[in-house]
Protein backbone atom coordinates (compact mmCIF):
# COMPACT_ATOMS: atom_id res chain seq x y z
CA UNK A 1 171.10 68.16 144.43
CA UNK A 2 170.58 70.18 147.55
CA UNK A 3 169.58 68.14 150.61
CA UNK A 4 167.06 68.77 153.35
CA UNK A 5 165.04 71.64 151.93
CA UNK A 6 161.59 72.86 152.95
CA UNK A 7 158.79 70.81 151.51
CA UNK A 8 157.10 73.73 149.75
CA UNK A 9 160.36 74.50 147.93
CA UNK A 10 160.73 70.83 146.95
CA UNK A 11 157.22 70.89 145.42
CA UNK A 12 157.98 74.15 143.61
CA UNK A 13 161.23 72.78 142.20
CA UNK A 14 159.29 69.76 140.92
CA UNK A 15 157.34 72.22 138.77
CA UNK A 16 154.01 71.48 140.43
CA UNK A 17 153.16 75.04 141.52
CA UNK A 18 154.52 78.04 143.39
CA UNK A 19 155.64 77.79 147.03
CA UNK A 20 152.51 79.62 148.12
CA UNK A 21 150.25 77.14 146.32
CA UNK A 22 152.38 74.30 147.70
CA UNK A 23 151.59 75.52 151.21
CA UNK A 24 147.89 75.27 150.36
CA UNK A 25 148.35 71.70 149.12
CA UNK A 26 150.13 70.79 152.35
CA UNK A 27 147.47 72.43 154.53
CA UNK A 28 144.75 70.59 152.61
CA UNK A 29 146.42 67.26 153.38
CA UNK A 30 147.11 66.52 149.72
CA UNK A 31 150.85 65.95 150.25
CA UNK A 32 152.48 62.90 151.82
CA UNK A 33 156.10 62.20 152.69
CA UNK A 34 157.12 58.54 152.92
CA UNK A 35 153.46 57.57 153.23
CA UNK A 36 152.53 60.01 156.01
CA UNK A 37 150.52 63.20 155.63
CA UNK A 38 152.92 66.12 155.43
CA UNK A 39 152.99 69.10 157.79
CA UNK A 40 153.93 72.72 157.21
CA UNK A 41 157.61 73.56 157.61
CA UNK A 42 158.96 70.03 157.39
CA UNK A 43 162.12 69.37 155.42
CA UNK A 44 162.76 66.64 152.88
CA UNK A 45 165.55 65.36 150.67
CA UNK A 46 165.70 63.63 147.29
CA UNK A 47 165.77 60.30 149.14
CA UNK A 48 162.25 60.89 150.52
CA UNK A 49 159.12 59.82 148.65
CA UNK A 50 157.00 62.93 148.21
CA UNK A 51 153.53 62.54 146.72
CA UNK A 52 151.02 65.19 145.67
CA UNK A 53 147.46 63.92 145.27
CA UNK A 54 148.85 60.39 145.48
CA UNK A 55 151.39 60.87 142.67
CA UNK A 56 155.11 60.75 143.40
CA UNK A 57 157.06 63.83 142.35
CA UNK A 58 160.74 64.63 141.90
CA UNK A 59 162.67 67.85 141.60
CA UNK A 60 163.70 68.84 138.10
CA UNK A 61 167.42 68.69 137.38
CA UNK A 62 167.11 71.06 134.39
CA UNK A 63 165.07 74.24 134.48
CA UNK A 64 162.93 75.03 131.45
CA UNK A 65 161.65 78.49 130.50
CA UNK A 66 159.46 79.02 127.44
CA UNK A 67 158.12 82.16 125.80
CA UNK A 68 154.53 81.52 124.70
CA UNK A 69 152.19 83.70 122.62
CA UNK A 70 148.79 83.26 124.28
CA UNK A 71 145.94 83.92 121.86
CA UNK A 72 142.68 85.56 122.88
CA UNK A 73 140.20 83.09 124.34
CA UNK A 74 142.83 80.89 126.00
CA UNK A 75 142.51 80.73 129.79
CA UNK A 76 145.42 80.79 132.25
CA UNK A 77 144.24 77.98 134.49
CA UNK A 78 144.97 74.38 135.32
CA UNK A 79 142.03 73.85 137.65
CA UNK A 80 138.93 75.10 135.81
CA UNK A 81 137.35 72.08 134.17
CA UNK A 82 134.84 74.36 132.44
CA UNK A 83 137.44 76.48 130.62
CA UNK A 84 137.03 75.86 126.90
CA UNK A 85 140.71 76.25 125.97
CA UNK A 86 143.57 76.17 128.49
CA UNK A 87 147.27 76.78 127.90
CA UNK A 88 147.93 73.07 128.48
CA UNK A 89 145.65 72.28 125.55
CA UNK A 90 147.94 74.20 123.20
CA UNK A 91 151.49 73.82 124.50
CA UNK A 92 152.86 70.37 123.72
CA UNK A 93 156.18 70.14 125.55
CA UNK A 94 157.85 67.03 127.02
CA UNK A 95 158.36 68.65 130.44
CA UNK A 96 155.40 69.79 132.53
CA UNK A 97 155.44 73.59 132.55
CA UNK A 98 153.03 76.12 133.99
CA UNK A 99 152.51 79.86 133.61
CA UNK A 100 154.54 82.46 135.48
CA UNK A 101 152.08 85.34 135.42
CA UNK A 102 148.61 85.52 133.92
CA UNK A 103 146.80 87.22 131.08
CA UNK A 104 143.02 87.40 131.16
CA UNK A 105 140.96 85.41 128.66
CA UNK A 106 140.29 88.39 126.40
CA UNK A 107 143.94 89.46 126.17
CA UNK A 108 146.80 88.09 124.09
CA UNK A 109 150.56 88.13 124.11
CA UNK A 110 153.62 86.96 125.98
CA UNK A 111 153.47 84.53 128.88
CA UNK A 112 156.49 82.76 130.36
CA UNK A 113 156.05 79.04 131.05
CA UNK A 114 158.44 77.11 133.28
CA UNK A 115 158.99 74.11 135.54
CA UNK A 116 160.81 76.36 138.03
CA UNK A 117 158.53 77.11 140.97
CA UNK A 118 160.87 79.74 142.40
CA UNK A 119 160.82 81.65 139.13
CA UNK A 120 157.02 81.50 139.07
CA UNK A 121 156.86 82.83 142.61
CA UNK A 122 159.28 85.66 141.86
CA UNK A 123 157.58 86.80 138.65
CA UNK A 124 154.09 86.72 140.18
CA UNK A 125 155.09 88.62 143.32
CA UNK A 126 154.00 92.20 142.76
CA UNK A 127 156.46 93.65 145.27
CA UNK A 128 159.34 92.62 142.98
CA UNK A 129 158.21 95.29 140.47
CA UNK A 130 159.22 93.41 137.31
CA UNK A 131 158.28 95.33 134.18
CA UNK A 132 155.53 94.15 131.83
CA UNK A 133 154.87 96.04 128.60
CA UNK A 134 151.59 96.16 126.67
CA UNK A 135 150.10 97.59 123.50
CA UNK A 136 146.49 98.66 124.06
CA UNK A 137 143.79 99.79 121.61
CA UNK A 138 140.80 101.73 122.95
CA UNK A 139 137.34 102.65 121.69
CA UNK A 140 138.00 106.41 121.96
CA UNK A 141 140.93 108.62 120.90
CA UNK A 142 143.86 108.74 123.32
CA UNK A 143 144.36 112.23 124.79
CA UNK A 144 147.11 113.96 126.73
CA UNK A 145 144.84 114.10 129.75
CA UNK A 146 144.25 110.35 129.56
CA UNK A 147 147.99 109.61 129.31
CA UNK A 148 148.78 111.88 132.26
CA UNK A 149 146.07 110.34 134.45
CA UNK A 150 147.17 106.80 133.63
CA UNK A 151 150.85 107.54 134.26
CA UNK A 152 150.24 109.14 137.66
CA UNK A 153 148.27 106.17 139.00
CA UNK A 154 144.53 105.49 138.88
CA UNK A 155 142.24 104.76 141.81
CA UNK A 156 140.38 101.51 141.09
CA UNK A 157 137.09 101.63 142.94
CA UNK A 158 136.35 97.92 142.51
CA UNK A 159 139.63 96.95 144.16
CA UNK A 160 139.94 99.98 146.47
CA UNK A 161 143.56 100.54 145.43
CA UNK A 162 145.53 103.15 143.52
CA UNK A 163 147.82 101.81 140.82
CA UNK A 164 151.52 102.58 140.85
CA UNK A 165 152.83 105.36 138.62
CA UNK A 166 153.77 103.92 135.23
CA UNK A 167 155.13 104.77 131.79
CA UNK A 168 152.47 105.48 129.13
CA UNK A 169 153.08 106.57 125.53
CA UNK A 170 150.67 107.24 122.68
CA UNK A 171 151.55 105.33 119.50
CA UNK A 172 148.36 105.87 117.49
CA UNK A 173 145.08 107.76 117.55
CA UNK A 174 143.43 104.94 119.51
CA UNK A 175 146.53 103.09 120.70
CA UNK A 176 149.01 103.45 123.55
CA UNK A 177 151.95 101.60 125.06
CA UNK A 178 152.05 101.05 128.82
CA UNK A 179 154.70 99.58 131.14
CA UNK A 180 153.47 98.28 134.50
CA UNK A 181 155.38 97.06 137.54
CA UNK A 182 152.39 95.36 139.16
CA UNK A 183 149.77 92.88 138.07
CA UNK A 184 146.38 93.61 139.58
CA UNK A 185 143.40 91.68 138.25
CA UNK A 186 142.45 93.10 134.81
CA UNK A 187 144.45 96.17 135.77
CA UNK A 188 144.70 97.95 132.43
CA UNK A 189 141.05 97.37 131.62
CA UNK A 190 140.04 98.73 135.02
CA UNK A 191 142.37 101.74 134.66
CA UNK A 192 140.87 102.59 131.28
CA UNK A 193 137.32 102.14 132.56
CA UNK A 194 138.01 104.71 135.29
CA UNK A 195 138.87 107.15 132.47
CA UNK A 196 135.65 106.25 130.59
CA UNK A 197 137.62 104.31 128.00
CA UNK A 198 137.01 100.73 126.89
CA UNK A 199 139.81 98.38 125.86
CA UNK A 200 139.25 96.98 122.37
CA UNK A 201 142.43 94.87 122.28
CA UNK A 202 145.32 94.26 124.66
CA UNK A 203 148.62 92.55 123.86
CA UNK A 204 151.56 91.99 126.20
CA UNK A 205 154.83 92.32 124.29
CA UNK A 206 157.44 92.06 127.06
CA UNK A 207 158.01 90.55 130.50
CA UNK A 208 161.19 91.80 132.21
CA UNK A 209 163.87 91.38 129.48
CA UNK A 210 161.93 88.81 127.43
CA UNK A 211 160.19 90.13 124.32
CA UNK A 212 157.33 88.61 122.31
CA UNK A 213 159.21 89.37 119.10
CA UNK A 214 157.97 87.56 116.01
CA UNK A 215 156.34 84.65 117.79
CA UNK A 216 153.07 83.61 116.16
CA UNK A 217 149.84 83.17 118.11
CA UNK A 218 149.73 79.82 119.87
CA UNK A 219 153.44 79.12 119.37
CA UNK A 220 156.28 78.96 121.87
CA UNK A 221 160.06 78.86 122.00
CA UNK A 222 162.75 78.11 124.55
CA UNK A 223 164.61 81.12 125.90
CA UNK A 224 168.15 81.57 124.66
CA UNK A 225 170.99 81.23 127.19
CA UNK A 226 171.49 85.01 126.98
CA UNK A 227 167.79 85.68 127.70
CA UNK A 228 167.79 83.24 130.61
CA UNK A 229 170.93 84.78 132.10
CA UNK A 230 169.45 88.27 131.77
CA UNK A 231 166.17 87.19 133.34
CA UNK A 232 167.91 85.55 136.29
CA UNK A 233 170.00 88.67 136.81
CA UNK A 234 166.82 90.77 136.97
CA UNK A 235 165.12 88.35 139.36
CA UNK A 236 168.12 88.42 141.71
CA UNK A 237 167.96 92.20 142.15
């Protein structure tokens, strides 16, 4: 394995969290190296004893990526003790994996789970513009004016930001398909609300090159070698 890497990368490659979250752990004094409290920017190797919250961690030799169909009502969190159902309550996998990108509690569909902190960081970084595709059902008929407004970008008053232009296609009287390249908090719901539309159901069917396919709610599968290779190629762009 690679020697003398930055501590936040070591923690990410152990599958604990993203590099950004690892920096927070280090700042909070929750990381030690060889018994001493760690500092930002320090480098470590596999010969060092790195502990997070008092528990020794090691980098993963094999990277795992799973496609998971998150049902409605399941929360993307590892920290909220009050969440009724978390992803970790459903996914029983021998390696510790965590989500690379979120879906809100009321939405369903594809989430990628992995022990690769770098992959998590890349997928969750909005500036990388990775595509995410959704099928959305609304409470009112979809119109040409609605599709045009959504595709051009919508000003979200609550967040004081205008969404990026995106691809939107009507597929039913009350249903449309949308492809985003950013992941603002409850973005599609907020975009629809600005057009006086309410989201009745929202399902993510694709992340980058990975498709939900025929996965059943609450189930998961390992990516094929071809899917993994394609995903890595996209992330390297």
